[in-house]
Amino acid sequence: MSSSRMVAANGIELFLREQGEGPLVVLCHGWPELSYSWRHQIGAIADAGFHVVAPDMRGFGRSSAPAEAAAYSIFDTVGDIVALVAALGETQAVIVGHDWGAPVAWHAALFRPDIFTGVAGLSVPPPFRGRGRPLDMLREAGITNFYWQYFQTQGVAEAEFERDVALTVRSVLAGRRRADPAAAMFVQDGKGLLDNFSIDQPLPGWLGEDELAVFVEAYKATGFRGGLNWYRNIDRNWELTAPWQDAQIRQPSLFIAGSRDPVITGLIGAKRVNELERVLPNLKRKLIIDGAGHWIQQERPDEVNAALISFIRDAVAAR
């Protein structure tokens, strides 16, 4: 059985779910999620012979949530995981990330190849650092209502999401998109992001009411500001990562996504998935799971676990 504890790392406190003994594997969740998002992976990977830790990331759940938006840059979030590895008494780990956890995993491997000897990203491709700040690029393209932009002004998305936390979590994790998936990422004038979702259907088979309640209770306690602050560093992250322009991640790598995930089916995402090897010259496998959506490790745990365990074993053996 997994256990939990608090660990001091990088000047903050991180809540960890933990299980197993052996080489270290770190699982990094995304938004609006928690370490609980890895509930199907922690035991399976531990049973395969590994020490698995899944933190509530900075700003989420029971971990510290610094007040300043500037405290959520990619340097801060990767720094948390570097410090976590050291706090656990280890010098190396395989890192896995989903959604916003994927950029953390990719950049951890990019910044510290001495520590992170294998990297798997779920749903979000590795960093392709474009020619300008992402939010500037959107504006130049005439786009002003993408959800990244909606999240920028402090207090706006918070007010929408915290009005009815249960509705928000159910809508984002399990709601049915009123429009095609790509269109659901845009916010119409005078409306909020949740207006793009309908909850007129029962929960999907992969998410029970008791499981949903774990997320709801956590966000009732914390609100949404911590996670939204990650989005408020999108342009700053572009500036900070200038020294790594066109750099490659040379460790063994794995990419997993669902075929129906709007992150990889949109114009930019599809191009990036087709060009993974530009950034990942040691890509071991690209697994696109047919019919799956964005919450891939919860939706299709058996396929994800099999791919992760195989990859982790090989990455550890190759050290």
C-alpha atoms as a PDB file:
ATOM      1  CA  MET A   1       0.000   0.000   0.000  1.00  0.00           C
ATOM      2  CA  SER A   2       1.143   3.527  -0.670  1.00  0.00           C
ATOM      3  CA  SER A   3       1.889   5.898   2.203  1.00  0.00           C
ATOM      4  CA  SER A   4       2.058   9.666   2.324  1.00  0.00           C
ATOM      5  CA  ARG A   5       4.220  12.298   4.006  1.00  0.00           C
ATOM      6  CA  MET A   6       5.431  15.873   3.782  1.00  0.00           C
ATOM      7  CA  VAL A   7       8.960  16.574   2.522  1.00  0.00           C
ATOM      8  CA  ALA A   8      10.855  19.870   2.691  1.00  0.00           C
ATOM      9  CA  ALA A   9      12.355  20.703  -0.708  1.00  0.00           C
ATOM     10  CA  ASN A  10      13.473  23.904  -2.445  1.00  0.00           C
ATOM     11  CA  GLY A  11      12.187  26.105   0.356  1.00  0.00           C
ATOM     12  CA  ILE A  12       8.646  24.712   0.309  1.00  0.00           C
ATOM     13  CA  GLU A  13       6.785  21.656   1.624  1.00  0.00           C
ATOM     14  CA  LEU A  14       5.722  18.950  -0.818  1.00  0.00           C
ATOM     15  CA  PHE A  15       3.052  16.359  -0.024  1.00  0.00           C
ATOM     16  CA  LEU A  16       4.075  12.941  -1.374  1.00  0.00           C
ATOM     17  CA  ARG A  17       2.336   9.686  -2.141  1.00  0.00           C
ATOM     18  CA  GLU A  18       4.964   6.965  -2.000  1.00  0.00           C
ATOM     19  CA  GLN A  19       5.368   3.228  -2.438  1.00  0.00           C
ATOM     20  CA  GLY A  20       8.006   0.592  -3.121  1.00  0.00           C
ATOM     21  CA  GLU A  21      11.751   0.120  -2.979  1.00  0.00           C
ATOM     22  CA  GLY A  22      14.376   0.273  -5.683  1.00  0.00           C
ATOM     23  CA  PRO A  23      15.435   2.858  -8.269  1.00  0.00           C
ATOM     24  CA  LEU A  24      13.533   6.131  -7.904  1.00  0.00           C
ATOM     25  CA  VAL A  25      10.638   7.089 -10.209  1.00  0.00           C
ATOM     26  CA  VAL A  26       8.992  10.526  -9.842  1.00  0.00           C
ATOM     27  CA  LEU A  27       5.469  11.139 -11.198  1.00  0.00           C
ATOM     28  CA  CYS A  28       4.474  14.776 -11.879  1.00  0.00           C
ATOM     29  CA  HIS A  29       0.767  15.603 -12.344  1.00  0.00           C
ATOM     30  CA  GLY A  30      -0.875  18.442 -14.253  1.00  0.00           C
ATOM     31  CA  TRP A  31      -3.825  20.868 -13.992  1.00  0.00           C
ATOM     32  CA  PRO A  32      -6.379  20.708 -12.424  1.00  0.00           C
ATOM     33  CA  GLU A  33      -5.123  17.556 -10.780  1.00  0.00           C
ATOM     34  CA  LEU A  34      -3.229  16.080  -7.829  1.00  0.00           C
ATOM     35  CA  SER A  35      -0.802  13.302  -6.963  1.00  0.00           C
ATOM     36  CA  TYR A  36      -4.015  11.232  -6.714  1.00  0.00           C
ATOM     37  CA  SER A  37      -4.155  11.317 -10.523  1.00  0.00           C
ATOM     38  CA  TRP A  38      -1.420   8.642 -10.432  1.00  0.00           C
ATOM     39  CA  ARG A  39      -3.427   6.274  -8.176  1.00  0.00           C
ATOM     40  CA  HIS A  40      -3.392   3.543 -10.861  1.00  0.00           C
ATOM     41  CA  GLN A  41       0.348   3.882 -11.548  1.00  0.00           C
ATOM     42  CA  ILE A  42       1.932   4.121  -8.084  1.00  0.00           C
ATOM     43  CA  GLY A  43       1.261   0.547  -6.969  1.00  0.00           C
ATOM     44  CA  ALA A  44       1.854  -1.017 -10.381  1.00  0.00           C
ATOM     45  CA  ILE A  45       5.259   0.622 -10.845  1.00  0.00           C
ATOM     46  CA  ALA A  46       6.220  -0.102  -7.227  1.00  0.00           C
ATOM     47  CA  ASP A  47       5.291  -3.760  -7.693  1.00  0.00           C
ATOM     48  CA  ALA A  48       7.628  -3.840 -10.695  1.00  0.00           C
ATOM     49  CA  GLY A  49      10.559  -3.085  -8.377  1.00  0.00           C
ATOM     50  CA  PHE A  50      10.770   0.702  -8.052  1.00  0.00           C
ATOM     51  CA  HIS A  51      10.523   3.398  -5.392  1.00  0.00           C
ATOM     52  CA  VAL A  52       7.692   5.565  -6.685  1.00  0.00           C
ATOM     53  CA  VAL A  53       6.912   9.066  -5.435  1.00  0.00           C
ATOM     54  CA  ALA A  54       4.117  11.316  -6.675  1.00  0.00           C
ATOM     55  CA  PRO A  55       4.068  14.817  -5.193  1.00  0.00           C
ATOM     56  CA  ASP A  56       1.234  17.277  -5.122  1.00  0.00           C
ATOM     57  CA  MET A  57       3.072  19.802  -7.275  1.00  0.00           C
ATOM     58  CA  ARG A  58       3.791  23.356  -6.084  1.00  0.00           C
ATOM     59  CA  GLY A  59       0.497  25.231  -5.697  1.00  0.00           C
ATOM     60  CA  PHE A  60      -1.653  22.089  -5.607  1.00  0.00           C
ATOM     61  CA  GLY A  61      -3.320  20.022  -2.895  1.00  0.00           C
ATOM     62  CA  ARG A  62      -1.441  19.784   0.373  1.00  0.00           C
ATOM     63  CA  SER A  63       1.850  21.165  -0.978  1.00  0.00           C
ATOM     64  CA  SER A  64       2.927  24.766  -0.425  1.00  0.00           C
ATOM     65  CA  ALA A  65       1.327  27.420  -2.630  1.00  0.00           C
ATOM     66  CA  PRO A  66       3.468  30.574  -2.689  1.00  0.00           C
ATOM     67  CA  ALA A  67       1.385  33.725  -3.111  1.00  0.00           C
ATOM     68  CA  GLU A  68       3.399  35.348  -5.898  1.00  0.00           C
ATOM     69  CA  ALA A  69       2.693  34.268  -9.481  1.00  0.00           C
ATOM     70  CA  ALA A  70       6.414  34.670 -10.192  1.00  0.00           C
ATOM     71  CA  ALA A  71       7.112  31.693  -7.884  1.00  0.00           C
ATOM     72  CA  TYR A  72       5.739  29.237 -10.477  1.00  0.00           C
ATOM     73  CA  SER A  73       8.292  29.450 -13.283  1.00  0.00           C
ATOM     74  CA  ILE A  74       9.723  26.342 -14.912  1.00  0.00           C
ATOM     75  CA  PHE A  75      12.898  26.917 -12.859  1.00  0.00           C
ATOM     76  CA  ASP A  76      10.876  26.770  -9.629  1.00  0.00           C
ATOM     77  CA  THR A  77       8.865  23.700 -10.589  1.00  0.00           C
ATOM     78  CA  VAL A  78      11.870  21.763 -11.901  1.00  0.00           C
ATOM     79  CA  GLY A  79      13.865  22.954  -8.888  1.00  0.00           C
ATOM     80  CA  ASP A  80      11.273  21.350  -6.624  1.00  0.00           C
ATOM     81  CA  ILE A  81      11.831  17.955  -8.235  1.00  0.00           C
ATOM     82  CA  VAL A  82      15.632  18.267  -8.218  1.00  0.00           C
ATOM     83  CA  ALA A  83      15.465  19.087  -4.504  1.00  0.00           C
ATOM     84  CA  LEU A  84      12.966  16.282  -3.896  1.00  0.00           C
ATOM     85  CA  VAL A  85      15.343  13.689  -5.371  1.00  0.00           C
ATOM     86  CA  ALA A  86      18.096  14.944  -3.046  1.00  0.00           C
ATOM     87  CA  ALA A  87      15.732  15.024  -0.043  1.00  0.00           C
ATOM     88  CA  LEU A  88      14.965  11.355  -0.675  1.00  0.00           C
ATOM     89  CA  GLY A  89      18.684  10.583  -0.502  1.00  0.00           C
ATOM     90  CA  GLU A  90      18.967   9.746  -4.191  1.00  0.00           C
ATOM     91  CA  THR A  91      21.152  11.055  -7.007  1.00  0.00           C
ATOM     92  CA  GLN A  92      19.241   9.723 -10.021  1.00  0.00           C
ATOM     93  CA  ALA A  93      15.643   9.139 -11.040  1.00  0.00           C
ATOM     94  CA  VAL A  94      13.370   8.414 -13.971  1.00  0.00           C
ATOM     95  CA  ILE A  95      10.840  11.233 -14.289  1.00  0.00           C
ATOM     96  CA  VAL A  96       7.315  10.981 -15.716  1.00  0.00           C
ATOM     97  CA  GLY A  97       4.964  13.909 -16.266  1.00  0.00           C
ATOM     98  CA  HIS A  98       1.412  14.417 -17.519  1.00  0.00           C
ATOM     99  CA  ASP A  99      -0.186  17.676 -18.735  1.00  0.00           C
ATOM    100  CA  TRP A 100       1.704  20.532 -16.966  1.00  0.00           C
ATOM    101  CA  GLY A 101       3.817  17.829 -15.303  1.00  0.00           C
ATOM    102  CA  ALA A 102       5.144  16.905 -18.758  1.00  0.00           C
ATOM    103  CA  PRO A 103       6.952  20.238 -19.308  1.00  0.00           C
ATOM    104  CA  VAL A 104       8.412  19.792 -15.820  1.00  0.00           C
ATOM    105  CA  ALA A 105       9.641  16.316 -16.752  1.00  0.00           C
ATOM    106  CA  TRP A 106      10.993  17.386 -20.156  1.00  0.00           C
ATOM    107  CA  HIS A 107      12.797  20.425 -18.726  1.00  0.00           C
ATOM    108  CA  ALA A 108      14.124  18.436 -15.759  1.00  0.00           C
ATOM    109  CA  ALA A 109      15.722  16.052 -18.242  1.00  0.00           C
ATOM    110  CA  LEU A 110      16.983  18.992 -20.308  1.00  0.00           C
ATOM    111  CA  PHE A 111      18.452  20.955 -17.382  1.00  0.00           C
ATOM    112  CA  ARG A 112      19.791  18.049 -15.298  1.00  0.00           C
ATOM    113  CA  PRO A 113      20.648  14.983 -17.403  1.00  0.00           C
ATOM    114  CA  ASP A 114      22.983  13.916 -14.582  1.00  0.00           C
ATOM    115  CA  ILE A 115      19.959  13.346 -12.333  1.00  0.00           C
ATOM    116  CA  PHE A 116      17.122  12.404 -14.663  1.00  0.00           C
ATOM    117  CA  THR A 117      18.349   9.414 -16.637  1.00  0.00           C
ATOM    118  CA  GLY A 118      15.057   8.675 -18.395  1.00  0.00           C
ATOM    119  CA  VAL A 119      12.000  10.802 -19.140  1.00  0.00           C
ATOM    120  CA  ALA A 120       8.409  10.031 -20.134  1.00  0.00           C
ATOM    121  CA  GLY A 121       5.898  12.686 -21.124  1.00  0.00           C
ATOM    122  CA  LEU A 122       2.156  12.079 -21.285  1.00  0.00           C
ATOM    123  CA  SER A 123      -0.187  14.212 -23.417  1.00  0.00           C
ATOM    124  CA  VAL A 124       2.143  17.214 -23.873  1.00  0.00           C
ATOM    125  CA  PRO A 125       5.063  16.993 -26.339  1.00  0.00           C
ATOM    126  CA  PRO A 126       8.575  18.164 -25.397  1.00  0.00           C
ATOM    127  CA  PRO A 127       9.594  21.828 -25.577  1.00  0.00           C
ATOM    128  CA  PHE A 128       9.891  23.323 -29.035  1.00  0.00           C
ATOM    129  CA  ARG A 129      11.021  26.840 -28.182  1.00  0.00           C
ATOM    130  CA  GLY A 130       9.464  29.037 -30.855  1.00  0.00           C
ATOM    131  CA  ARG A 131      10.670  32.361 -32.221  1.00  0.00           C
ATOM    132  CA  GLY A 132       8.781  34.491 -29.698  1.00  0.00           C
ATOM    133  CA  ARG A 133       6.840  34.569 -26.458  1.00  0.00           C
ATOM    134  CA  PRO A 134       3.855  32.219 -26.784  1.00  0.00           C
ATOM    135  CA  LEU A 135       1.246  34.782 -25.725  1.00  0.00           C
ATOM    136  CA  ASP A 136       2.756  37.353 -28.107  1.00  0.00           C
ATOM    137  CA  MET A 137       2.597  34.786 -30.905  1.00  0.00           C
ATOM    138  CA  LEU A 138      -1.097  34.187 -30.224  1.00  0.00           C
ATOM    139  CA  ARG A 139      -1.852  37.899 -30.377  1.00  0.00           C
ATOM    140  CA  GLU A 140       0.149  38.263 -33.591  1.00  0.00           C
ATOM    141  CA  ALA A 141      -1.986  35.484 -35.064  1.00  0.00           C
ATOM    142  CA  GLY A 142      -5.108  37.450 -34.139  1.00  0.00           C
ATOM    143  CA  ILE A 143      -6.080  35.127 -31.271  1.00  0.00           C
ATOM    144  CA  THR A 144      -7.250  36.852 -28.092  1.00  0.00           C
ATOM    145  CA  ASN A 145      -9.562  34.311 -26.435  1.00  0.00           C
ATOM    146  CA  PHE A 146      -7.450  31.150 -26.016  1.00  0.00           C
ATOM    147  CA  TYR A 147      -7.753  29.705 -22.508  1.00  0.00           C
ATOM    148  CA  TRP A 148      -4.087  30.514 -21.761  1.00  0.00           C
ATOM    149  CA  GLN A 149      -4.986  34.163 -22.290  1.00  0.00           C
ATOM    150  CA  TYR A 150      -8.150  33.906 -20.205  1.00  0.00           C
ATOM    151  CA  PHE A 151      -6.050  32.569 -17.312  1.00  0.00           C
ATOM    152  CA  GLN A 152      -3.580  35.495 -17.292  1.00  0.00           C
ATOM    153  CA  THR A 153      -5.475  38.130 -15.274  1.00  0.00           C
ATOM    154  CA  GLN A 154      -5.372  37.171 -11.619  1.00  0.00           C
ATOM    155  CA  GLY A 155      -8.800  36.645 -10.119  1.00  0.00           C
ATOM    156  CA  VAL A 156     -10.848  36.158 -13.294  1.00  0.00           C
ATOM    157  CA  ALA A 157     -10.600  32.398 -13.758  1.00  0.00           C
ATOM    158  CA  GLU A 158     -10.385  31.945  -9.985  1.00  0.00           C
ATOM    159  CA  ALA A 159     -13.774  33.611  -9.566  1.00  0.00           C
ATOM    160  CA  GLU A 160     -15.368  31.428 -12.248  1.00  0.00           C
ATOM    161  CA  PHE A 161     -13.886  28.168 -11.005  1.00  0.00           C
ATOM    162  CA  GLU A 162     -14.394  28.764  -7.284  1.00  0.00           C
ATOM    163  CA  ARG A 163     -18.069  29.752  -7.619  1.00  0.00           C
ATOM    164  CA  ASP A 164     -18.948  26.033  -7.690  1.00  0.00           C
ATOM    165  CA  VAL A 165     -15.869  23.860  -7.219  1.00  0.00           C
ATOM    166  CA  ALA A 166     -17.726  20.573  -7.747  1.00  0.00           C
ATOM    167  CA  LEU A 167     -19.138  21.829 -11.061  1.00  0.00           C
ATOM    168  CA  THR A 168     -15.698  23.052 -12.165  1.00  0.00           C
ATOM    169  CA  VAL A 169     -13.875  19.799 -11.437  1.00  0.00           C
ATOM    170  CA  ARG A 170     -16.632  17.669 -12.967  1.00  0.00           C
ATOM    171  CA  SER A 171     -16.739  19.887 -16.071  1.00  0.00           C
ATOM    172  CA  VAL A 172     -12.997  19.940 -16.722  1.00  0.00           C
ATOM    173  CA  LEU A 173     -12.217  16.303 -15.893  1.00  0.00           C
ATOM    174  CA  ALA A 174     -15.384  14.628 -17.140  1.00  0.00           C
ATOM    175  CA  GLY A 175     -17.579  17.147 -18.964  1.00  0.00           C
ATOM    176  CA  ARG A 176     -18.713  16.749 -22.539  1.00  0.00           C
ATOM    177  CA  ARG A 177     -17.415  19.469 -24.844  1.00  0.00           C
ATOM    178  CA  ARG A 178     -20.255  21.437 -26.435  1.00  0.00           C
ATOM    179  CA  ALA A 179     -18.096  22.126 -29.501  1.00  0.00           C
ATOM    180  CA  ASP A 180     -15.258  20.209 -31.142  1.00  0.00           C
ATOM    181  CA  PRO A 181     -12.320  19.682 -28.758  1.00  0.00           C
ATOM    182  CA  ALA A 182     -10.165  22.454 -30.239  1.00  0.00           C
ATOM    183  CA  ALA A 183     -12.991  25.018 -30.036  1.00  0.00           C
ATOM    184  CA  ALA A 184     -13.544  24.156 -26.373  1.00  0.00           C
ATOM    185  CA  MET A 185     -10.157  25.721 -25.583  1.00  0.00           C
ATOM    186  CA  PHE A 186     -11.420  29.202 -26.521  1.00  0.00           C
ATOM    187  CA  VAL A 187     -13.488  31.471 -24.257  1.00  0.00           C
ATOM    188  CA  GLN A 188     -16.303  33.429 -25.892  1.00  0.00           C
ATOM    189  CA  ASP A 189     -16.932  37.089 -25.021  1.00  0.00           C
ATOM    190  CA  GLY A 190     -18.951  37.482 -21.851  1.00  0.00           C
ATOM    191  CA  LYS A 191     -18.621  33.807 -20.984  1.00  0.00           C
ATOM    192  CA  GLY A 192     -16.270  31.583 -19.044  1.00  0.00           C
ATOM    193  CA  LEU A 193     -14.322  28.457 -19.909  1.00  0.00           C
ATOM    194  CA  LEU A 194     -16.898  26.239 -18.196  1.00  0.00           C
ATOM    195  CA  ASP A 195     -19.574  27.397 -20.659  1.00  0.00           C
ATOM    196  CA  ASN A 196     -17.799  25.148 -23.176  1.00  0.00           C
ATOM    197  CA  PHE A 197     -18.633  22.024 -21.170  1.00  0.00           C
ATOM    198  CA  SER A 198     -21.833  20.144 -20.404  1.00  0.00           C
ATOM    199  CA  ILE A 199     -22.253  17.727 -17.501  1.00  0.00           C
ATOM    200  CA  ASP A 200     -25.559  16.301 -18.686  1.00  0.00           C
ATOM    201  CA  GLN A 201     -24.133  12.783 -18.874  1.00  0.00           C
ATOM    202  CA  PRO A 202     -23.007  10.341 -16.162  1.00  0.00           C
ATOM    203  CA  LEU A 203     -19.334  10.213 -15.252  1.00  0.00           C
ATOM    204  CA  PRO A 204     -17.139   8.191 -17.628  1.00  0.00           C
ATOM    205  CA  GLY A 205     -16.254   4.668 -16.584  1.00  0.00           C
ATOM    206  CA  TRP A 206     -12.736   5.677 -15.552  1.00  0.00           C
ATOM    207  CA  LEU A 207     -13.843   8.219 -12.919  1.00  0.00           C
ATOM    208  CA  GLY A 208     -16.134   7.272 -10.035  1.00  0.00           C
ATOM    209  CA  GLU A 209     -18.025   9.683  -7.806  1.00  0.00           C
ATOM    210  CA  ASP A 210     -15.760   8.793  -4.881  1.00  0.00           C
ATOM    211  CA  GLU A 211     -12.673   9.509  -7.005  1.00  0.00           C
ATOM    212  CA  LEU A 212     -14.076  12.794  -8.254  1.00  0.00           C
ATOM    213  CA  ALA A 213     -14.795  13.768  -4.659  1.00  0.00           C
ATOM    214  CA  VAL A 214     -11.062  13.590  -3.799  1.00  0.00           C
ATOM    215  CA  PHE A 215     -10.332  16.309  -6.373  1.00  0.00           C
ATOM    216  CA  VAL A 216     -13.359  18.373  -5.353  1.00  0.00           C
ATOM    217  CA  GLU A 217     -12.477  18.370  -1.646  1.00  0.00           C
ATOM    218  CA  ALA A 218      -8.858  19.310  -2.377  1.00  0.00           C
ATOM    219  CA  TYR A 219      -9.847  22.286  -4.549  1.00  0.00           C
ATOM    220  CA  LYS A 220     -12.473  23.421  -2.055  1.00  0.00           C
ATOM    221  CA  ALA A 221      -9.622  23.683   0.443  1.00  0.00           C
ATOM    222  CA  THR A 222      -7.071  25.401  -1.815  1.00  0.00           C
ATOM    223  CA  GLY A 223      -8.933  27.221  -4.554  1.00  0.00           C
ATOM    224  CA  PHE A 224      -7.405  27.324  -8.030  1.00  0.00           C
ATOM    225  CA  ARG A 225      -4.862  30.147  -7.879  1.00  0.00           C
ATOM    226  CA  GLY A 226      -1.776  27.971  -7.380  1.00  0.00           C
ATOM    227  CA  GLY A 227      -2.366  25.942 -10.515  1.00  0.00           C
ATOM    228  CA  LEU A 228      -3.423  28.968 -12.578  1.00  0.00           C
ATOM    229  CA  ASN A 229      -0.154  30.674 -11.660  1.00  0.00           C
ATOM    230  CA  TRP A 230       1.667  28.061 -13.733  1.00  0.00           C
ATOM    231  CA  TYR A 231      -0.064  29.509 -16.812  1.00  0.00           C
ATOM    232  CA  ARG A 232       0.967  33.022 -15.768  1.00  0.00           C
ATOM    233  CA  ASN A 233       4.590  32.062 -16.392  1.00  0.00           C
ATOM    234  CA  ILE A 234       4.174  30.883 -19.997  1.00  0.00           C
ATOM    235  CA  ASP A 235       5.920  33.908 -21.524  1.00  0.00           C
ATOM    236  CA  ARG A 236       8.441  34.116 -18.687  1.00  0.00           C
ATOM    237  CA  ASN A 237       9.343  30.459 -19.190  1.00  0.00           C
ATOM    238  CA  TRP A 238      10.097  31.246 -22.834  1.00  0.00           C
ATOM    239  CA  GLU A 239      12.466  33.999 -21.699  1.00  0.00           C
ATOM    240  CA  LEU A 240      14.142  31.890 -19.017  1.00  0.00           C
ATOM    241  CA  THR A 241      14.804  28.953 -21.344  1.00  0.00           C
ATOM    242  CA  ALA A 242      16.619  31.028 -23.986  1.00  0.00           C
ATOM    243  CA  PRO A 243      19.967  29.271 -23.260  1.00  0.00           C
ATOM    244  CA  TRP A 244      18.388  25.938 -24.288  1.00  0.00           C
ATOM    245  CA  GLN A 245      17.213  27.105 -27.727  1.00  0.00           C
ATOM    246  CA  ASP A 246      17.260  24.040 -30.058  1.00  0.00           C
ATOM    247  CA  ALA A 247      18.761  21.839 -27.312  1.00  0.00           C
ATOM    248  CA  GLN A 248      17.967  18.126 -27.388  1.00  0.00           C
ATOM    249  CA  ILE A 249      16.978  15.709 -24.622  1.00  0.00           C
ATOM    250  CA  ARG A 250      19.369  12.821 -25.217  1.00  0.00           C
ATOM    251  CA  GLN A 251      18.303  10.436 -22.435  1.00  0.00           C
ATOM    252  CA  PRO A 252      15.968   7.540 -23.250  1.00  0.00           C
ATOM    253  CA  SER A 253      12.484   9.013 -23.683  1.00  0.00           C
ATOM    254  CA  LEU A 254       8.880   7.906 -24.106  1.00  0.00           C
ATOM    255  CA  PHE A 255       5.797   9.788 -25.310  1.00  0.00           C
ATOM    256  CA  ILE A 256       2.223   8.658 -24.622  1.00  0.00           C
ATOM    257  CA  ALA A 257      -1.010  10.405 -25.594  1.00  0.00           C
ATOM    258  CA  GLY A 258      -4.623   9.682 -26.478  1.00  0.00           C
ATOM    259  CA  SER A 259      -5.727   9.884 -30.097  1.00  0.00           C
ATOM    260  CA  ARG A 260      -8.654  12.120 -29.068  1.00  0.00           C
ATOM    261  CA  ASP A 261      -6.615  14.512 -26.929  1.00  0.00           C
ATOM    262  CA  PRO A 262      -7.078  18.090 -28.218  1.00  0.00           C
ATOM    263  CA  VAL A 263      -3.539  18.924 -27.075  1.00  0.00           C
ATOM    264  CA  ILE A 264      -2.072  16.691 -29.803  1.00  0.00           C
ATOM    265  CA  THR A 265      -4.809  16.908 -32.441  1.00  0.00           C
ATOM    266  CA  GLY A 266      -4.709  20.684 -32.896  1.00  0.00           C
ATOM    267  CA  LEU A 267      -2.530  22.278 -35.550  1.00  0.00           C
ATOM    268  CA  ILE A 268       0.471  22.949 -33.290  1.00  0.00           C
ATOM    269  CA  GLY A 269       0.223  19.752 -31.259  1.00  0.00           C
ATOM    270  CA  ALA A 270      -0.051  17.468 -34.285  1.00  0.00           C
ATOM    271  CA  LYS A 271       3.046  19.054 -35.834  1.00  0.00           C
ATOM    272  CA  ARG A 272       5.003  18.618 -32.619  1.00  0.00           C
ATOM    273  CA  VAL A 273       4.026  14.961 -32.278  1.00  0.00           C
ATOM    274  CA  ASN A 274       5.205  14.353 -35.842  1.00  0.00           C
ATOM    275  CA  GLU A 275       8.556  15.982 -35.038  1.00  0.00           C
ATOM    276  CA  LEU A 276       9.303  14.478 -31.616  1.00  0.00           C
ATOM    277  CA  GLU A 277      12.663  13.114 -32.733  1.00  0.00           C
ATOM    278  CA  ARG A 278      13.942  16.651 -33.356  1.00  0.00           C
ATOM    279  CA  VAL A 279      14.028  17.152 -29.595  1.00  0.00           C
ATOM    280  CA  LEU A 280      14.133  13.475 -28.511  1.00  0.00           C
ATOM    281  CA  PRO A 281      16.877  11.719 -30.517  1.00  0.00           C
ATOM    282  CA  ASN A 282      16.705   8.755 -28.113  1.00  0.00           C
ATOM    283  CA  LEU A 283      12.904   8.355 -28.294  1.00  0.00           C
ATOM    284  CA  LYS A 284      12.178   4.719 -27.497  1.00  0.00           C
ATOM    285  CA  ARG A 285       8.470   4.718 -28.255  1.00  0.00           C
ATOM    286  CA  LYS A 286       5.621   6.985 -29.301  1.00  0.00           C
ATOM    287  CA  LEU A 287       2.386   5.426 -28.070  1.00  0.00           C
ATOM    288  CA  ILE A 288      -0.863   7.004 -29.270  1.00  0.00           C
ATOM    289  CA  ILE A 289      -3.717   5.165 -27.535  1.00  0.00           C
ATOM    290  CA  ASP A 290      -6.694   4.929 -29.857  1.00  0.00           C
ATOM    291  CA  GLY A 291      -9.907   6.468 -28.570  1.00  0.00           C
ATOM    292  CA  ALA A 292      -8.374   7.908 -25.395  1.00  0.00           C
ATOM    293  CA  GLY A 293      -8.591  11.550 -24.374  1.00  0.00           C
ATOM    294  CA  HIS A 294      -6.429  13.849 -22.289  1.00  0.00           C
ATOM    295  CA  TRP A 295      -6.579  12.213 -18.839  1.00  0.00           C
ATOM    296  CA  ILE A 296      -4.644   9.280 -20.241  1.00  0.00           C
ATOM    297  CA  GLN A 297      -3.189   7.626 -17.108  1.00  0.00           C
ATOM    298  CA  GLN A 298      -6.627   7.592 -15.484  1.00  0.00           C
ATOM    299  CA  GLU A 299      -8.565   6.645 -18.632  1.00  0.00           C
ATOM    300  CA  ARG A 300      -6.333   3.802 -19.829  1.00  0.00           C
ATOM    301  CA  PRO A 301      -4.185   2.718 -16.880  1.00  0.00           C
ATOM    302  CA  ASP A 302      -3.348  -0.797 -18.072  1.00  0.00           C
ATOM    303  CA  GLU A 303      -1.850   0.347 -21.373  1.00  0.00           C
ATOM    304  CA  VAL A 304      -0.091   3.308 -19.767  1.00  0.00           C
ATOM    305  CA  ASN A 305       1.327   1.164 -16.947  1.00  0.00           C
ATOM    306  CA  ALA A 306       2.644  -1.499 -19.309  1.00  0.00           C
ATOM    307  CA  ALA A 307       4.384   1.106 -21.459  1.00  0.00           C
ATOM    308  CA  LEU A 308       5.816   2.984 -18.463  1.00  0.00           C
ATOM    309  CA  ILE A 309       7.109  -0.117 -16.669  1.00  0.00           C
ATOM    310  CA  SER A 310       8.790  -1.458 -19.804  1.00  0.00           C
ATOM    311  CA  PHE A 311      10.377   1.930 -20.484  1.00  0.00           C
ATOM    312  CA  ILE A 312      11.507   2.502 -16.873  1.00  0.00           C
ATOM    313  CA  ARG A 313      13.113  -0.953 -16.683  1.00  0.00           C
ATOM    314  CA  ASP A 314      15.088  -0.324 -19.868  1.00  0.00           C
ATOM    315  CA  ALA A 315      16.083   3.206 -18.857  1.00  0.00           C
ATOM    316  CA  VAL A 316      17.399   2.032 -15.482  1.00  0.00           C
ATOM    317  CA  ALA A 317      19.242  -0.895 -17.089  1.00  0.00           C
ATOM    318  CA  ALA A 318      20.908   1.490 -19.561  1.00  0.00           C
ATOM    319  CA  ARG A 319      22.516   3.700 -16.873  1.00  0.00           C
END
